[in-house]
Amino acid sequence: MQLLTHILIFCLITLTLAQFTKITRNNVFLSRKKRYLAFPEKSNFVISFSLSKPLMEAQPRGYNLVFECDVPFALPSGTTPLKELKKLKKSRHRIQKRDILLSFEKVFNKSGLDGNACVKRIICEAQEFINKGRNHSLIKDMLKVLFSDFGPNYVKPCYYKTFFECPLPFMEYFLSSLS
């Protein structure tokens, strides 16, 4: 029995030491190409946000007010080297933020509101929420990612006329529904 344990320990030691194998052909190292994850053309990844607010008239009956928002992100279909992606990372994130803010602006314009002013008001209220308080939360991190470093289209978002041009405090409604 003791001989069997010694043989087992010897085999384990040789297997762990033999993990590093070098395969050469005529003193040339063989290498394996990097693999990439590629998606079909025009593939999207969609994040869906939904908010349900119950409205109760009487106890047994009531209504639910539901808001839904889908945010699509385009998936890469090419196999570009990772070094090139690191160079374009910051500018690509700004483009995606700008696209999200422009889509918010279009929604507000279709609703009959001044889209640019409403987006500026949301940016200003989000920055006030981010700067207020010392606690960290997922909502605060999401607002910081989405509504910071927003680019040249939204210069001076906390300008006092912005609050008169957009009458609805969307961020206040959103934050009050979370608490």
C-alpha atoms as a PDB file:
ATOM      1  CA  MET A   1       0.000   0.000   0.000  1.00  0.00           C
ATOM      2  CA  GLN A   2       2.858   2.329   0.860  1.00  0.00           C
ATOM      3  CA  LEU A   3       4.558   1.495  -2.422  1.00  0.00           C
ATOM      4  CA  LEU A   4       1.374   2.460  -4.276  1.00  0.00           C
ATOM      5  CA  THR A   5       1.247   5.862  -2.565  1.00  0.00           C
ATOM      6  CA  HIS A   6       4.920   6.497  -3.401  1.00  0.00           C
ATOM      7  CA  ILE A   7       4.281   5.633  -7.043  1.00  0.00           C
ATOM      8  CA  LEU A   8       1.218   7.898  -7.099  1.00  0.00           C
ATOM      9  CA  ILE A   9       3.153  10.804  -5.581  1.00  0.00           C
ATOM     10  CA  PHE A  10       6.018  10.239  -8.045  1.00  0.00           C
ATOM     11  CA  CYS A  11       3.554  10.292 -10.971  1.00  0.00           C
ATOM     12  CA  LEU A  12       1.914  13.497  -9.743  1.00  0.00           C
ATOM     13  CA  ILE A  13       5.263  15.222  -9.327  1.00  0.00           C
ATOM     14  CA  THR A  14       6.439  14.226 -12.795  1.00  0.00           C
ATOM     15  CA  LEU A  15       3.149  15.345 -14.334  1.00  0.00           C
ATOM     16  CA  THR A  16       3.308  18.748 -12.679  1.00  0.00           C
ATOM     17  CA  LEU A  17       6.927  19.252 -13.674  1.00  0.00           C
ATOM     18  CA  ALA A  18       6.289  18.090 -17.228  1.00  0.00           C
ATOM     19  CA  GLN A  19       3.629  20.734 -17.973  1.00  0.00           C
ATOM     20  CA  PHE A  20       6.053  22.980 -19.773  1.00  0.00           C
ATOM     21  CA  THR A  21       6.829  21.387 -23.101  1.00  0.00           C
ATOM     22  CA  LYS A  22       8.637  23.125 -25.899  1.00  0.00           C
ATOM     23  CA  ILE A  23       7.893  21.975 -29.411  1.00  0.00           C
ATOM     24  CA  THR A  24      10.509  22.952 -31.935  1.00  0.00           C
ATOM     25  CA  ARG A  25      11.124  22.065 -35.526  1.00  0.00           C
ATOM     26  CA  ASN A  26      14.659  22.777 -36.717  1.00  0.00           C
ATOM     27  CA  ASN A  27      15.147  25.196 -33.798  1.00  0.00           C
ATOM     28  CA  VAL A  28      12.111  27.254 -34.856  1.00  0.00           C
ATOM     29  CA  PHE A  29       9.429  27.796 -32.243  1.00  0.00           C
ATOM     30  CA  LEU A  30       5.944  26.912 -33.345  1.00  0.00           C
ATOM     31  CA  SER A  31       3.278  29.370 -32.355  1.00  0.00           C
ATOM     32  CA  ARG A  32      -0.466  29.337 -32.477  1.00  0.00           C
ATOM     33  CA  LYS A  33      -2.255  32.311 -33.974  1.00  0.00           C
ATOM     34  CA  LYS A  34      -4.542  34.365 -31.764  1.00  0.00           C
ATOM     35  CA  ARG A  35      -8.169  33.487 -31.966  1.00  0.00           C
ATOM     36  CA  TYR A  36     -10.866  36.104 -32.249  1.00  0.00           C
ATOM     37  CA  LEU A  37     -14.529  36.120 -31.477  1.00  0.00           C
ATOM     38  CA  ALA A  38     -16.481  37.258 -34.522  1.00  0.00           C
ATOM     39  CA  PHE A  39     -20.207  37.878 -34.737  1.00  0.00           C
ATOM     40  CA  PRO A  40     -22.391  37.895 -37.866  1.00  0.00           C
ATOM     41  CA  GLU A  41     -22.743  41.188 -39.711  1.00  0.00           C
ATOM     42  CA  LYS A  42     -25.035  43.785 -38.077  1.00  0.00           C
ATOM     43  CA  SER A  43     -25.441  41.794 -34.850  1.00  0.00           C
ATOM     44  CA  ASN A  44     -26.637  43.737 -31.813  1.00  0.00           C
ATOM     45  CA  PHE A  45     -26.538  43.285 -28.073  1.00  0.00           C
ATOM     46  CA  VAL A  46     -29.614  44.835 -26.467  1.00  0.00           C
ATOM     47  CA  ILE A  47     -30.011  45.977 -22.865  1.00  0.00           C
ATOM     48  CA  SER A  48     -33.618  46.501 -21.851  1.00  0.00           C
ATOM     49  CA  PHE A  49     -34.560  48.807 -19.012  1.00  0.00           C
ATOM     50  CA  SER A  50     -38.059  48.677 -17.614  1.00  0.00           C
ATOM     51  CA  LEU A  51     -39.730  50.639 -14.861  1.00  0.00           C
ATOM     52  CA  SER A  52     -43.126  49.792 -13.429  1.00  0.00           C
ATOM     53  CA  LYS A  53     -44.950  52.266 -11.198  1.00  0.00           C
ATOM     54  CA  PRO A  54     -48.173  51.056  -9.534  1.00  0.00           C
ATOM     55  CA  LEU A  55     -51.023  53.557  -9.347  1.00  0.00           C
ATOM     56  CA  MET A  56     -53.603  52.564  -6.743  1.00  0.00           C
ATOM     57  CA  GLU A  57     -57.072  54.088  -6.656  1.00  0.00           C
ATOM     58  CA  ALA A  58     -58.631  51.626  -4.285  1.00  0.00           C
ATOM     59  CA  GLN A  59     -57.010  48.665  -2.591  1.00  0.00           C
ATOM     60  CA  PRO A  60     -58.245  45.767  -4.729  1.00  0.00           C
ATOM     61  CA  ARG A  61     -57.939  47.611  -8.044  1.00  0.00           C
ATOM     62  CA  GLY A  62     -55.118  49.582  -9.524  1.00  0.00           C
ATOM     63  CA  TYR A  63     -53.084  50.335 -12.598  1.00  0.00           C
ATOM     64  CA  ASN A  64     -49.466  49.884 -13.501  1.00  0.00           C
ATOM     65  CA  LEU A  65     -47.596  52.499 -15.469  1.00  0.00           C
ATOM     66  CA  VAL A  66     -44.779  50.814 -17.403  1.00  0.00           C
ATOM     67  CA  PHE A  67     -41.822  52.499 -19.092  1.00  0.00           C
ATOM     68  CA  GLU A  68     -39.448  50.476 -21.253  1.00  0.00           C
ATOM     69  CA  CYS A  69     -36.289  51.427 -23.054  1.00  0.00           C
ATOM     70  CA  ASP A  70     -34.071  49.248 -25.248  1.00  0.00           C
ATOM     71  CA  VAL A  71     -30.464  50.258 -25.783  1.00  0.00           C
ATOM     72  CA  PRO A  72     -28.802  48.366 -28.651  1.00  0.00           C
ATOM     73  CA  PHE A  73     -25.040  48.045 -28.959  1.00  0.00           C
ATOM     74  CA  ALA A  74     -23.430  46.943 -32.205  1.00  0.00           C
ATOM     75  CA  LEU A  75     -21.246  43.846 -31.891  1.00  0.00           C
ATOM     76  CA  PRO A  76     -17.930  43.695 -33.776  1.00  0.00           C
ATOM     77  CA  SER A  77     -17.973  41.536 -36.872  1.00  0.00           C
ATOM     78  CA  GLY A  78     -14.335  41.887 -37.910  1.00  0.00           C
ATOM     79  CA  THR A  79     -11.199  40.384 -36.458  1.00  0.00           C
ATOM     80  CA  THR A  80      -9.047  43.421 -35.788  1.00  0.00           C
ATOM     81  CA  PRO A  81      -5.922  43.069 -33.661  1.00  0.00           C
ATOM     82  CA  LEU A  82      -6.254  44.074 -30.027  1.00  0.00           C
ATOM     83  CA  LYS A  83      -3.553  46.767 -30.267  1.00  0.00           C
ATOM     84  CA  GLU A  84      -5.665  48.768 -32.713  1.00  0.00           C
ATOM     85  CA  LEU A  85      -8.725  48.430 -30.478  1.00  0.00           C
ATOM     86  CA  LYS A  86      -6.888  49.914 -27.504  1.00  0.00           C
ATOM     87  CA  LYS A  87      -6.055  53.021 -29.529  1.00  0.00           C
ATOM     88  CA  LEU A  88      -9.663  53.559 -30.589  1.00  0.00           C
ATOM     89  CA  LYS A  89     -11.252  52.629 -27.254  1.00  0.00           C
ATOM     90  CA  LYS A  90     -11.726  56.125 -25.816  1.00  0.00           C
ATOM     91  CA  SER A  91     -13.024  57.703 -29.027  1.00  0.00           C
ATOM     92  CA  ARG A  92     -15.371  54.765 -29.608  1.00  0.00           C
ATOM     93  CA  HIS A  93     -16.876  55.171 -26.120  1.00  0.00           C
ATOM     94  CA  ARG A  94     -17.470  58.867 -26.793  1.00  0.00           C
ATOM     95  CA  ILE A  95     -19.211  57.998 -30.057  1.00  0.00           C
ATOM     96  CA  GLN A  96     -21.458  55.499 -28.264  1.00  0.00           C
ATOM     97  CA  LYS A  97     -22.296  58.034 -25.526  1.00  0.00           C
ATOM     98  CA  ARG A  98     -23.066  60.634 -28.154  1.00  0.00           C
ATOM     99  CA  ASP A  99     -25.348  58.170 -29.975  1.00  0.00           C
ATOM    100  CA  ILE A 100     -27.222  57.382 -26.755  1.00  0.00           C
ATOM    101  CA  LEU A 101     -27.664  61.066 -25.918  1.00  0.00           C
ATOM    102  CA  LEU A 102     -28.794  61.811 -29.485  1.00  0.00           C
ATOM    103  CA  SER A 103     -31.355  59.001 -29.282  1.00  0.00           C
ATOM    104  CA  PHE A 104     -32.678  60.522 -26.021  1.00  0.00           C
ATOM    105  CA  GLU A 105     -32.825  63.862 -27.798  1.00  0.00           C
ATOM    106  CA  LYS A 106     -34.838  62.388 -30.699  1.00  0.00           C
ATOM    107  CA  VAL A 107     -37.323  60.806 -28.283  1.00  0.00           C
ATOM    108  CA  PHE A 108     -37.862  64.139 -26.523  1.00  0.00           C
ATOM    109  CA  ASN A 109     -38.224  65.948 -29.862  1.00  0.00           C
ATOM    110  CA  LYS A 110     -40.887  63.451 -30.979  1.00  0.00           C
ATOM    111  CA  SER A 111     -42.718  64.092 -27.698  1.00  0.00           C
ATOM    112  CA  GLY A 112     -42.928  67.803 -28.463  1.00  0.00           C
ATOM    113  CA  LEU A 113     -40.207  68.909 -26.033  1.00  0.00           C
ATOM    114  CA  ASP A 114     -36.890  70.611 -26.703  1.00  0.00           C
ATOM    115  CA  GLY A 115     -34.667  67.529 -26.868  1.00  0.00           C
ATOM    116  CA  ASN A 116     -31.336  69.296 -26.443  1.00  0.00           C
ATOM    117  CA  ALA A 117     -32.534  71.221 -23.383  1.00  0.00           C
ATOM    118  CA  CYS A 118     -34.025  68.096 -21.787  1.00  0.00           C
ATOM    119  CA  VAL A 119     -30.818  66.106 -22.290  1.00  0.00           C
ATOM    120  CA  LYS A 120     -28.797  68.993 -20.831  1.00  0.00           C
ATOM    121  CA  ARG A 121     -31.140  69.083 -17.841  1.00  0.00           C
ATOM    122  CA  ILE A 122     -30.754  65.328 -17.326  1.00  0.00           C
ATOM    123  CA  ILE A 123     -26.944  65.690 -17.535  1.00  0.00           C
ATOM    124  CA  CYS A 124     -26.997  68.508 -14.981  1.00  0.00           C
ATOM    125  CA  GLU A 125     -29.273  66.644 -12.557  1.00  0.00           C
ATOM    126  CA  ALA A 126     -27.201  63.473 -12.945  1.00  0.00           C
ATOM    127  CA  GLN A 127     -23.989  65.371 -12.188  1.00  0.00           C
ATOM    128  CA  GLU A 128     -25.606  66.885  -9.094  1.00  0.00           C
ATOM    129  CA  PHE A 129     -26.616  63.398  -7.938  1.00  0.00           C
ATOM    130  CA  ILE A 130     -23.121  62.029  -8.620  1.00  0.00           C
ATOM    131  CA  ASN A 131     -21.399  64.846  -6.714  1.00  0.00           C
ATOM    132  CA  LYS A 132     -23.882  64.717  -3.829  1.00  0.00           C
ATOM    133  CA  GLY A 133     -23.131  62.239  -1.054  1.00  0.00           C
ATOM    134  CA  ARG A 134     -20.228  59.918  -0.491  1.00  0.00           C
ATOM    135  CA  ASN A 135     -21.932  56.541  -0.828  1.00  0.00           C
ATOM    136  CA  HIS A 136     -21.333  54.451  -3.927  1.00  0.00           C
ATOM    137  CA  SER A 137     -24.056  52.550  -5.684  1.00  0.00           C
ATOM    138  CA  LEU A 138     -24.685  50.866  -8.996  1.00  0.00           C
ATOM    139  CA  ILE A 139     -27.062  53.654 -10.081  1.00  0.00           C
ATOM    140  CA  LYS A 140     -24.435  56.283  -9.295  1.00  0.00           C
ATOM    141  CA  ASP A 141     -21.820  54.383 -11.313  1.00  0.00           C
ATOM    142  CA  MET A 142     -24.194  53.976 -14.273  1.00  0.00           C
ATOM    143  CA  LEU A 143     -25.057  57.683 -14.240  1.00  0.00           C
ATOM    144  CA  LYS A 144     -21.373  58.576 -13.996  1.00  0.00           C
ATOM    145  CA  VAL A 145     -20.495  56.419 -17.000  1.00  0.00           C
ATOM    146  CA  LEU A 146     -23.367  57.674 -19.139  1.00  0.00           C
ATOM    147  CA  PHE A 147     -23.525  61.360 -18.192  1.00  0.00           C
ATOM    148  CA  SER A 148     -19.877  62.372 -17.770  1.00  0.00           C
ATOM    149  CA  ASP A 149     -17.456  63.469 -20.489  1.00  0.00           C
ATOM    150  CA  PHE A 150     -20.332  64.042 -22.889  1.00  0.00           C
ATOM    151  CA  GLY A 151     -18.594  65.973 -25.660  1.00  0.00           C
ATOM    152  CA  PRO A 152     -19.005  69.320 -27.419  1.00  0.00           C
ATOM    153  CA  ASN A 153     -22.743  69.018 -28.198  1.00  0.00           C
ATOM    154  CA  TYR A 154     -23.715  69.618 -24.595  1.00  0.00           C
ATOM    155  CA  VAL A 155     -21.581  72.542 -23.457  1.00  0.00           C
ATOM    156  CA  LYS A 156     -22.738  74.216 -20.219  1.00  0.00           C
ATOM    157  CA  PRO A 157     -25.491  71.721 -19.355  1.00  0.00           C
ATOM    158  CA  CYS A 158     -26.258  73.458 -16.025  1.00  0.00           C
ATOM    159  CA  TYR A 159     -27.074  76.809 -17.625  1.00  0.00           C
ATOM    160  CA  TYR A 160     -30.064  78.364 -15.832  1.00  0.00           C
ATOM    161  CA  LYS A 161     -32.202  78.730 -19.001  1.00  0.00           C
ATOM    162  CA  THR A 162     -32.052  74.966 -19.532  1.00  0.00           C
ATOM    163  CA  PHE A 163     -34.442  74.412 -16.656  1.00  0.00           C
ATOM    164  CA  PHE A 164     -37.022  76.747 -18.202  1.00  0.00           C
ATOM    165  CA  GLU A 165     -36.754  75.246 -21.700  1.00  0.00           C
ATOM    166  CA  CYS A 166     -37.407  71.701 -20.424  1.00  0.00           C
ATOM    167  CA  PRO A 167     -40.245  71.753 -17.881  1.00  0.00           C
ATOM    168  CA  LEU A 168     -40.055  68.109 -16.748  1.00  0.00           C
ATOM    169  CA  PRO A 169     -37.437  66.905 -14.229  1.00  0.00           C
ATOM    170  CA  PHE A 170     -36.907  63.406 -15.677  1.00  0.00           C
ATOM    171  CA  MET A 171     -33.959  62.565 -13.435  1.00  0.00           C
ATOM    172  CA  GLU A 172     -35.933  63.552 -10.342  1.00  0.00           C
ATOM    173  CA  TYR A 173     -38.764  61.206 -11.400  1.00  0.00           C
ATOM    174  CA  PHE A 174     -36.284  58.417 -12.053  1.00  0.00           C
ATOM    175  CA  LEU A 175     -34.401  58.808  -8.767  1.00  0.00           C
ATOM    176  CA  SER A 176     -37.570  59.170  -6.681  1.00  0.00           C
ATOM    177  CA  SER A 177     -38.965  55.940  -8.121  1.00  0.00           C
ATOM    178  CA  LEU A 178     -35.830  54.069  -6.985  1.00  0.00           C
ATOM    179  CA  SER A 179     -36.120  55.030  -3.344  1.00  0.00           C
END
